[in-house]
């Protein structure tokens, strides 16, 4: 099964690490993109966050995005997309 979303992150982001751990525990698959390693990813994050490089930013298969969502918000969005 393909990932339902991509998480845009940085290696030093505590919120990112916490959400990744929660998603892993729930067995939810996702892709991770380091915006510091991929400038085009940083530009995408800025686009959906009014010019800010706010992470974690999740972009879903339907093109919508969430910034620093809770696990419950992610699960609700994935249920909506299912």
PDB file of N, CA and C in Angstrom:
ATOM      1  N   UNK A   1       0.850  -1.191   0.000  1.00  0.00           N
ATOM      2  CA  UNK A   1       0.000   0.000   0.000  1.00  0.00           C
ATOM      3  C   UNK A   1       0.887   1.242   0.000  1.00  0.00           C
ATOM      4  N   UNK A   2       0.535   2.182  -0.816  1.00  0.00           N
ATOM      5  CA  UNK A   2       1.348   3.400  -0.886  1.00  0.00           C
ATOM      6  C   UNK A   2       1.031   4.309   0.289  1.00  0.00           C
ATOM      7  N   UNK A   3       1.972   5.179   0.569  1.00  0.00           N
ATOM      8  CA  UNK A   3       1.790   6.125   1.670  1.00  0.00           C
ATOM      9  C   UNK A   3       0.650   7.077   1.321  1.00  0.00           C
ATOM     10  N   UNK A   4      -0.161   7.392   2.323  1.00  0.00           N
ATOM     11  CA  UNK A   4      -1.277   8.299   2.108  1.00  0.00           C
ATOM     12  C   UNK A   4      -0.860   9.757   2.155  1.00  0.00           C
ATOM     13  N   UNK A   5       0.383   9.982   2.611  1.00  0.00           N
ATOM     14  CA  UNK A   5       0.846  11.354   2.703  1.00  0.00           C
ATOM     15  C   UNK A   5       2.364  11.405   2.783  1.00  0.00           C
ATOM     16  N   UNK A   6       2.870  12.607   2.593  1.00  0.00           N
ATOM     17  CA  UNK A   6       4.291  12.886   2.750  1.00  0.00           C
ATOM     18  C   UNK A   6       4.444  13.870   3.900  1.00  0.00           C
ATOM     19  N   UNK A   7       5.388  13.566   4.795  1.00  0.00           N
ATOM     20  CA  UNK A   7       5.696  14.481   5.891  1.00  0.00           C
ATOM     21  C   UNK A   7       6.952  15.255   5.530  1.00  0.00           C
ATOM     22  N   UNK A   8       6.836  16.567   5.484  1.00  0.00           N
ATOM     23  CA  UNK A   8       7.987  17.431   5.270  1.00  0.00           C
ATOM     24  C   UNK A   8       8.519  17.805   6.644  1.00  0.00           C
ATOM     25  N   UNK A   9       9.821  17.606   6.827  1.00  0.00           N
ATOM     26  CA  UNK A   9      10.409  17.615   8.152  1.00  0.00           C
ATOM     27  C   UNK A   9      11.828  18.178   8.105  1.00  0.00           C
ATOM     28  N   UNK A  10      12.423  18.336   9.284  1.00  0.00           N
ATOM     29  CA  UNK A  10      13.856  18.606   9.420  1.00  0.00           C
ATOM     30  C   UNK A  10      14.396  17.641  10.470  1.00  0.00           C
ATOM     31  N   UNK A  11      15.696  17.358  10.437  1.00  0.00           N
ATOM     32  CA  UNK A  11      16.271  16.424  11.406  1.00  0.00           C
ATOM     33  C   UNK A  11      16.173  16.915  12.849  1.00  0.00           C
ATOM     34  N   UNK A  12      16.105  18.214  13.066  1.00  0.00           N
ATOM     35  CA  UNK A  12      16.134  18.778  14.412  1.00  0.00           C
ATOM     36  C   UNK A  12      14.758  19.119  14.974  1.00  0.00           C
ATOM     37  N   UNK A  13      13.701  18.835  14.245  1.00  0.00           N
ATOM     38  CA  UNK A  13      12.345  19.232  14.639  1.00  0.00           C
ATOM     39  C   UNK A  13      11.745  18.247  15.649  1.00  0.00           C
ATOM     40  N   UNK A  14      11.581  18.699  16.876  1.00  0.00           N
ATOM     41  CA  UNK A  14      11.009  17.858  17.921  1.00  0.00           C
ATOM     42  C   UNK A  14       9.572  17.448  17.640  1.00  0.00           C
ATOM     43  N   UNK A  15       8.762  18.368  17.104  1.00  0.00           N
ATOM     44  CA  UNK A  15       7.376  18.041  16.769  1.00  0.00           C
ATOM     45  C   UNK A  15       7.335  16.949  15.705  1.00  0.00           C
ATOM     46  N   UNK A  16       8.277  17.019  14.758  1.00  0.00           N
ATOM     47  CA  UNK A  16       8.348  16.013  13.691  1.00  0.00           C
ATOM     48  C   UNK A  16       8.675  14.641  14.279  1.00  0.00           C
ATOM     49  N   UNK A  17       9.676  14.584  15.151  1.00  0.00           N
ATOM     50  CA  UNK A  17      10.070  13.316  15.761  1.00  0.00           C
ATOM     51  C   UNK A  17       8.917  12.713  16.552  1.00  0.00           C
ATOM     52  N   UNK A  18       8.193  13.549  17.295  1.00  0.00           N
ATOM     53  CA  UNK A  18       7.069  13.052  18.086  1.00  0.00           C
ATOM     54  C   UNK A  18       5.980  12.472  17.186  1.00  0.00           C
ATOM     55  N   UNK A  19       5.606  13.201  16.133  1.00  0.00           N
ATOM     56  CA  UNK A  19       4.553  12.731  15.247  1.00  0.00           C
ATOM     57  C   UNK A  19       4.997  11.461  14.516  1.00  0.00           C
ATOM     58  N   UNK A  20       6.253  11.418  14.067  1.00  0.00           N
ATOM     59  CA  UNK A  20       6.760  10.203  13.405  1.00  0.00           C
ATOM     60  C   UNK A  20       6.632   8.998  14.326  1.00  0.00           C
ATOM     61  N   UNK A  21       7.008   9.152  15.588  1.00  0.00           N
ATOM     62  CA  UNK A  21       6.926   8.054  16.554  1.00  0.00           C
ATOM     63  C   UNK A  21       5.485   7.603  16.740  1.00  0.00           C
ATOM     64  N   UNK A  22       4.568   8.552  16.848  1.00  0.00           N
ATOM     65  CA  UNK A  22       3.155   8.214  17.023  1.00  0.00           C
ATOM     66  C   UNK A  22       2.618   7.469  15.810  1.00  0.00           C
ATOM     67  N   UNK A  23       2.971   7.934  14.619  1.00  0.00           N
ATOM     68  CA  UNK A  23       2.512   7.285  13.385  1.00  0.00           C
ATOM     69  C   UNK A  23       3.098   5.884  13.262  1.00  0.00           C
ATOM     70  N   UNK A  24       4.381   5.740  13.595  1.00  0.00           N
ATOM     71  CA  UNK A  24       5.020   4.417  13.547  1.00  0.00           C
ATOM     72  C   UNK A  24       4.323   3.445  14.493  1.00  0.00           C
ATOM     73  N   UNK A  25       4.015   3.902  15.705  1.00  0.00           N
ATOM     74  CA  UNK A  25       3.326   3.044  16.684  1.00  0.00           C
ATOM     75  C   UNK A  25       1.957   2.602  16.179  1.00  0.00           C
ATOM     76  N   UNK A  26       1.299   3.470  15.412  1.00  0.00           N
ATOM     77  CA  UNK A  26      -0.032   3.166  14.870  1.00  0.00           C
ATOM     78  C   UNK A  26       0.056   2.344  13.579  1.00  0.00           C
ATOM     79  N   UNK A  27       1.276   2.140  13.061  1.00  0.00           N
ATOM     80  CA  UNK A  27       1.444   1.384  11.823  1.00  0.00           C
ATOM     81  C   UNK A  27       0.984   2.142  10.589  1.00  0.00           C
ATOM     82  N   UNK A  28       1.024   3.474  10.659  1.00  0.00           N
ATOM     83  CA  UNK A  28       0.594   4.321   9.546  1.00  0.00           C
ATOM     84  C   UNK A  28       1.810   4.617   8.669  1.00  0.00           C
ATOM     85  N   UNK A  29       1.718   4.236   7.405  1.00  0.00           N
ATOM     86  CA  UNK A  29       2.824   4.434   6.473  1.00  0.00           C
ATOM     87  C   UNK A  29       2.838   5.835   5.900  1.00  0.00           C
ATOM     88  N   UNK A  30       4.041   6.373   5.720  1.00  0.00           N
ATOM     89  CA  UNK A  30       4.183   7.715   5.158  1.00  0.00           C
ATOM     90  C   UNK A  30       5.600   7.875   4.634  1.00  0.00           C
ATOM     91  N   UNK A  31       5.770   8.863   3.788  1.00  0.00           N
ATOM     92  CA  UNK A  31       7.097   9.216   3.293  1.00  0.00           C
ATOM     93  C   UNK A  31       7.574  10.441   4.047  1.00  0.00           C
ATOM     94  N   UNK A  32       8.888  10.539   4.232  1.00  0.00           N
ATOM     95  CA  UNK A  32       9.470  11.698   4.907  1.00  0.00           C
ATOM     96  C   UNK A  32      10.413  12.398   3.936  1.00  0.00           C
ATOM     97  N   UNK A  33      10.300  13.712   3.859  1.00  0.00           N
ATOM     98  CA  UNK A  33      11.193  14.518   3.035  1.00  0.00           C
ATOM     99  C   UNK A  33      11.839  15.574   3.932  1.00  0.00           C
ATOM    100  N   UNK A  34      13.161  15.600   3.947  1.00  0.00           N
ATOM    101  CA  UNK A  34      13.933  16.583   4.714  1.00  0.00           C
ATOM    102  C   UNK A  34      14.024  17.867   3.897  1.00  0.00           C
ATOM    103  N   UNK A  35      13.362  18.918   4.365  1.00  0.00           N
ATOM    104  CA  UNK A  35      13.337  20.158   3.579  1.00  0.00           C
ATOM    105  C   UNK A  35      14.691  20.865   3.565  1.00  0.00           C
ATOM    106  N   UNK A  36      15.582  20.513   4.492  1.00  0.00           N
ATOM    107  CA  UNK A  36      16.920  21.109   4.461  1.00  0.00           C
ATOM    108  C   UNK A  36      17.776  20.462   3.375  1.00  0.00           C
ATOM    109  N   UNK A  37      17.466  19.233   3.020  1.00  0.00           N
ATOM    110  CA  UNK A  37      18.227  18.519   1.987  1.00  0.00           C
ATOM    111  C   UNK A  37      17.638  18.732   0.595  1.00  0.00           C
ATOM    112  N   UNK A  38      16.375  19.158   0.529  1.00  0.00           N
ATOM    113  CA  UNK A  38      15.700  19.318  -0.763  1.00  0.00           C
ATOM    114  C   UNK A  38      15.047  20.696  -0.844  1.00  0.00           C
ATOM    115  N   UNK A  39      15.741  21.649  -1.470  1.00  0.00           N
ATOM    116  CA  UNK A  39      15.222  23.022  -1.551  1.00  0.00           C
ATOM    117  C   UNK A  39      13.832  23.122  -2.174  1.00  0.00           C
ATOM    118  N   UNK A  40      13.517  22.258  -3.145  1.00  0.00           N
ATOM    119  CA  UNK A  40      12.189  22.311  -3.766  1.00  0.00           C
ATOM    120  C   UNK A  40      11.108  21.913  -2.756  1.00  0.00           C
ATOM    121  N   UNK A  41      11.452  21.045  -1.825  1.00  0.00           N
ATOM    122  CA  UNK A  41      10.507  20.664  -0.772  1.00  0.00           C
ATOM    123  C   UNK A  41      10.293  21.838   0.182  1.00  0.00           C
ATOM    124  N   UNK A  42      11.353  22.553   0.499  1.00  0.00           N
ATOM    125  CA  UNK A  42      11.233  23.733   1.361  1.00  0.00           C
ATOM    126  C   UNK A  42      10.313  24.761   0.704  1.00  0.00           C
ATOM    127  N   UNK A  43      10.420  24.914  -0.598  1.00  0.00           N
ATOM    128  CA  UNK A  43       9.566  25.859  -1.321  1.00  0.00           C
ATOM    129  C   UNK A  43       8.107  25.432  -1.249  1.00  0.00           C
ATOM    130  N   UNK A  44       7.850  24.130  -1.351  1.00  0.00           N
ATOM    131  CA  UNK A  44       6.484  23.630  -1.246  1.00  0.00           C
ATOM    132  C   UNK A  44       5.917  23.911   0.148  1.00  0.00           C
ATOM    133  N   UNK A  45       6.710  23.663   1.184  1.00  0.00           N
ATOM    134  CA  UNK A  45       6.273  23.918   2.564  1.00  0.00           C
ATOM    135  C   UNK A  45       5.960  25.397   2.745  1.00  0.00           C
ATOM    136  N   UNK A  46       6.807  26.267   2.213  1.00  0.00           N
ATOM    137  CA  UNK A  46       6.554  27.703   2.296  1.00  0.00           C
ATOM    138  C   UNK A  46       5.242  28.066   1.601  1.00  0.00           C
ATOM    139  N   UNK A  47       4.986  27.438   0.462  1.00  0.00           N
ATOM    140  CA  UNK A  47       3.781  27.743  -0.311  1.00  0.00           C
ATOM    141  C   UNK A  47       2.520  27.435   0.493  1.00  0.00           C
ATOM    142  N   UNK A  48       2.485  26.306   1.189  1.00  0.00           N
ATOM    143  CA  UNK A  48       1.272  25.938   1.925  1.00  0.00           C
ATOM    144  C   UNK A  48       1.206  26.576   3.315  1.00  0.00           C
ATOM    145  N   UNK A  49       2.287  27.235   3.743  1.00  0.00           N
ATOM    146  CA  UNK A  49       2.332  27.855   5.072  1.00  0.00           C
ATOM    147  C   UNK A  49       2.585  29.358   5.008  1.00  0.00           C
ATOM    148  N   UNK A  50       2.019  30.013   4.019  1.00  0.00           N
ATOM    149  CA  UNK A  50       2.105  31.477   3.907  1.00  0.00           C
ATOM    150  C   UNK A  50       3.531  32.009   3.997  1.00  0.00           C
ATOM    151  N   UNK A  51       4.458  31.305   3.334  1.00  0.00           N
ATOM    152  CA  UNK A  51       5.840  31.766   3.270  1.00  0.00           C
ATOM    153  C   UNK A  51       6.728  31.260   4.388  1.00  0.00           C
ATOM    154  N   UNK A  52       6.177  30.477   5.317  1.00  0.00           N
ATOM    155  CA  UNK A  52       6.969  29.965   6.438  1.00  0.00           C
ATOM    156  C   UNK A  52       7.383  28.515   6.219  1.00  0.00           C
ATOM    157  N   UNK A  53       8.580  28.186   6.694  1.00  0.00           N
ATOM    158  CA  UNK A  53       9.042  26.800   6.627  1.00  0.00           C
ATOM    159  C   UNK A  53       8.649  26.086   7.922  1.00  0.00           C
ATOM    160  N   UNK A  54       7.350  25.907   8.111  1.00  0.00           N
ATOM    161  CA  UNK A  54       6.831  25.287   9.320  1.00  0.00           C
ATOM    162  C   UNK A  54       6.738  23.780   9.125  1.00  0.00           C
ATOM    163  N   UNK A  55       7.361  23.034  10.037  1.00  0.00           N
ATOM    164  CA  UNK A  55       7.311  21.579   9.970  1.00  0.00           C
ATOM    165  C   UNK A  55       6.883  21.028  11.329  1.00  0.00           C
ATOM    166  N   UNK A  56       6.261  19.859  11.365  1.00  0.00           N
ATOM    167  CA  UNK A  56       5.947  19.025  10.215  1.00  0.00           C
ATOM    168  C   UNK A  56       4.773  19.588   9.405  1.00  0.00           C
ATOM    169  N   UNK A  57       4.921  19.519   8.108  1.00  0.00           N
ATOM    170  CA  UNK A  57       3.820  19.790   7.188  1.00  0.00           C
ATOM    171  C   UNK A  57       3.533  18.486   6.473  1.00  0.00           C
ATOM    172  N   UNK A  58       2.287  18.057   6.502  1.00  0.00           N
ATOM    173  CA  UNK A  58       1.873  16.836   5.831  1.00  0.00           C
ATOM    174  C   UNK A  58       1.082  17.205   4.596  1.00  0.00           C
ATOM    175  N   UNK A  59       1.417  16.586   3.471  1.00  0.00           N
ATOM    176  CA  UNK A  59       0.678  16.787   2.230  1.00  0.00           C
ATOM    177  C   UNK A  59       0.092  15.437   1.845  1.00  0.00           C
ATOM    178  N   UNK A  60      -1.214  15.409   1.675  1.00  0.00           N
ATOM    179  CA  UNK A  60      -1.950  14.168   1.423  1.00  0.00           C
ATOM    180  C   UNK A  60      -2.115  13.892  -0.063  1.00  0.00           C
ATOM    181  N   UNK A  61      -2.571  12.674  -0.356  1.00  0.00           N
ATOM    182  CA  UNK A  61      -2.733  12.230  -1.741  1.00  0.00           C
ATOM    183  C   UNK A  61      -3.722  13.085  -2.520  1.00  0.00           C
ATOM    184  N   UNK A  62      -4.637  13.785  -1.819  1.00  0.00           N
ATOM    185  CA  UNK A  62      -5.598  14.653  -2.513  1.00  0.00           C
ATOM    186  C   UNK A  62      -5.078  16.082  -2.691  1.00  0.00           C
ATOM    187  N   UNK A  63      -3.812  16.318  -2.269  1.00  0.00           N
ATOM    188  CA  UNK A  63      -3.211  17.631  -2.450  1.00  0.00           C
ATOM    189  C   UNK A  63      -3.421  18.577  -1.284  1.00  0.00           C
ATOM    190  N   UNK A  64      -4.231  18.203  -0.296  1.00  0.00           N
ATOM    191  CA  UNK A  64      -4.430  19.058   0.869  1.00  0.00           C
ATOM    192  C   UNK A  64      -3.255  18.911   1.827  1.00  0.00           C
ATOM    193  N   UNK A  65      -3.123  19.881   2.736  1.00  0.00           N
ATOM    194  CA  UNK A  65      -1.995  19.882   3.668  1.00  0.00           C
ATOM    195  C   UNK A  65      -2.471  20.185   5.079  1.00  0.00           C
ATOM    196  N   UNK A  66      -1.715  19.683   6.056  1.00  0.00           N
ATOM    197  CA  UNK A  66      -1.907  20.020   7.463  1.00  0.00           C
ATOM    198  C   UNK A  66      -0.546  20.398   8.020  1.00  0.00           C
ATOM    199  N   UNK A  67      -0.533  21.398   8.885  1.00  0.00           N
ATOM    200  CA  UNK A  67       0.701  21.829   9.524  1.00  0.00           C
ATOM    201  C   UNK A  67       0.653  21.480  10.998  1.00  0.00           C
ATOM    202  N   UNK A  68       1.662  20.729  11.445  1.00  0.00           N
ATOM    203  CA  UNK A  68       1.782  20.286  12.828  1.00  0.00           C
ATOM    204  C   UNK A  68       0.476  19.695  13.362  1.00  0.00           C
ATOM    205  N   UNK A  69      -0.084  18.703  12.633  1.00  0.00           N
ATOM    206  CA  UNK A  69      -1.345  18.115  13.085  1.00  0.00           C
ATOM    207  C   UNK A  69      -1.128  17.152  14.246  1.00  0.00           C
ATOM    208  N   UNK A  70      -2.199  16.903  14.980  1.00  0.00           N
ATOM    209  CA  UNK A  70      -2.170  15.866  16.008  1.00  0.00           C
ATOM    210  C   UNK A  70      -2.355  14.506  15.323  1.00  0.00           C
ATOM    211  N   UNK A  71      -2.057  13.441  16.050  1.00  0.00           N
ATOM    212  CA  UNK A  71      -2.279  12.100  15.527  1.00  0.00           C
ATOM    213  C   UNK A  71      -3.752  11.916  15.168  1.00  0.00           C
ATOM    214  N   UNK A  72      -4.652  12.416  16.012  1.00  0.00           N
ATOM    215  CA  UNK A  72      -6.090  12.300  15.749  1.00  0.00           C
ATOM    216  C   UNK A  72      -6.473  13.002  14.445  1.00  0.00           C
ATOM    217  N   UNK A  73      -5.876  14.171  14.182  1.00  0.00           N
ATOM    218  CA  UNK A  73      -6.175  14.894  12.939  1.00  0.00           C
ATOM    219  C   UNK A  73      -5.691  14.107  11.724  1.00  0.00           C
ATOM    220  N   UNK A  74      -4.520  13.492  11.841  1.00  0.00           N
ATOM    221  CA  UNK A  74      -3.973  12.698  10.734  1.00  0.00           C
ATOM    222  C   UNK A  74      -4.891  11.497  10.473  1.00  0.00           C
ATOM    223  N   UNK A  75      -5.275  10.803  11.529  1.00  0.00           N
ATOM    224  CA  UNK A  75      -6.130   9.627  11.387  1.00  0.00           C
ATOM    225  C   UNK A  75      -7.478  10.007  10.772  1.00  0.00           C
ATOM    226  N   UNK A  76      -8.024  11.141  11.177  1.00  0.00           N
ATOM    227  CA  UNK A  76      -9.305  11.602  10.633  1.00  0.00           C
ATOM    228  C   UNK A  76      -9.175  11.905   9.137  1.00  0.00           C
ATOM    229  N   UNK A  77      -8.081  12.536   8.752  1.00  0.00           N
ATOM    230  CA  UNK A  77      -7.859  12.864   7.341  1.00  0.00           C
ATOM    231  C   UNK A  77      -7.685  11.597   6.518  1.00  0.00           C
ATOM    232  N   UNK A  78      -6.931  10.636   7.046  1.00  0.00           N
ATOM    233  CA  UNK A  78      -6.728   9.383   6.306  1.00  0.00           C
ATOM    234  C   UNK A  78      -8.041   8.614   6.179  1.00  0.00           C
ATOM    235  N   UNK A  79      -8.889   8.665   7.193  1.00  0.00           N
ATOM    236  CA  UNK A  79     -10.206   8.003   7.117  1.00  0.00           C
ATOM    237  C   UNK A  79     -11.068   8.677   6.045  1.00  0.00           C
ATOM    238  N   UNK A  80     -10.959   9.988   5.965  1.00  0.00           N
ATOM    239  CA  UNK A  80     -11.712  10.749   4.959  1.00  0.00           C
ATOM    240  C   UNK A  80     -11.256  10.369   3.548  1.00  0.00           C
ATOM    241  N   UNK A  81      -9.960  10.102   3.386  1.00  0.00           N
ATOM    242  CA  UNK A  81      -9.414   9.763   2.074  1.00  0.00           C
ATOM    243  C   UNK A  81      -9.633   8.297   1.696  1.00  0.00           C
ATOM    244  N   UNK A  82      -9.914   7.456   2.675  1.00  0.00           N
ATOM    245  CA  UNK A  82     -10.035   6.013   2.420  1.00  0.00           C
ATOM    246  C   UNK A  82     -11.250   5.688   1.561  1.00  0.00           C
TER     247      UNK A  82
END
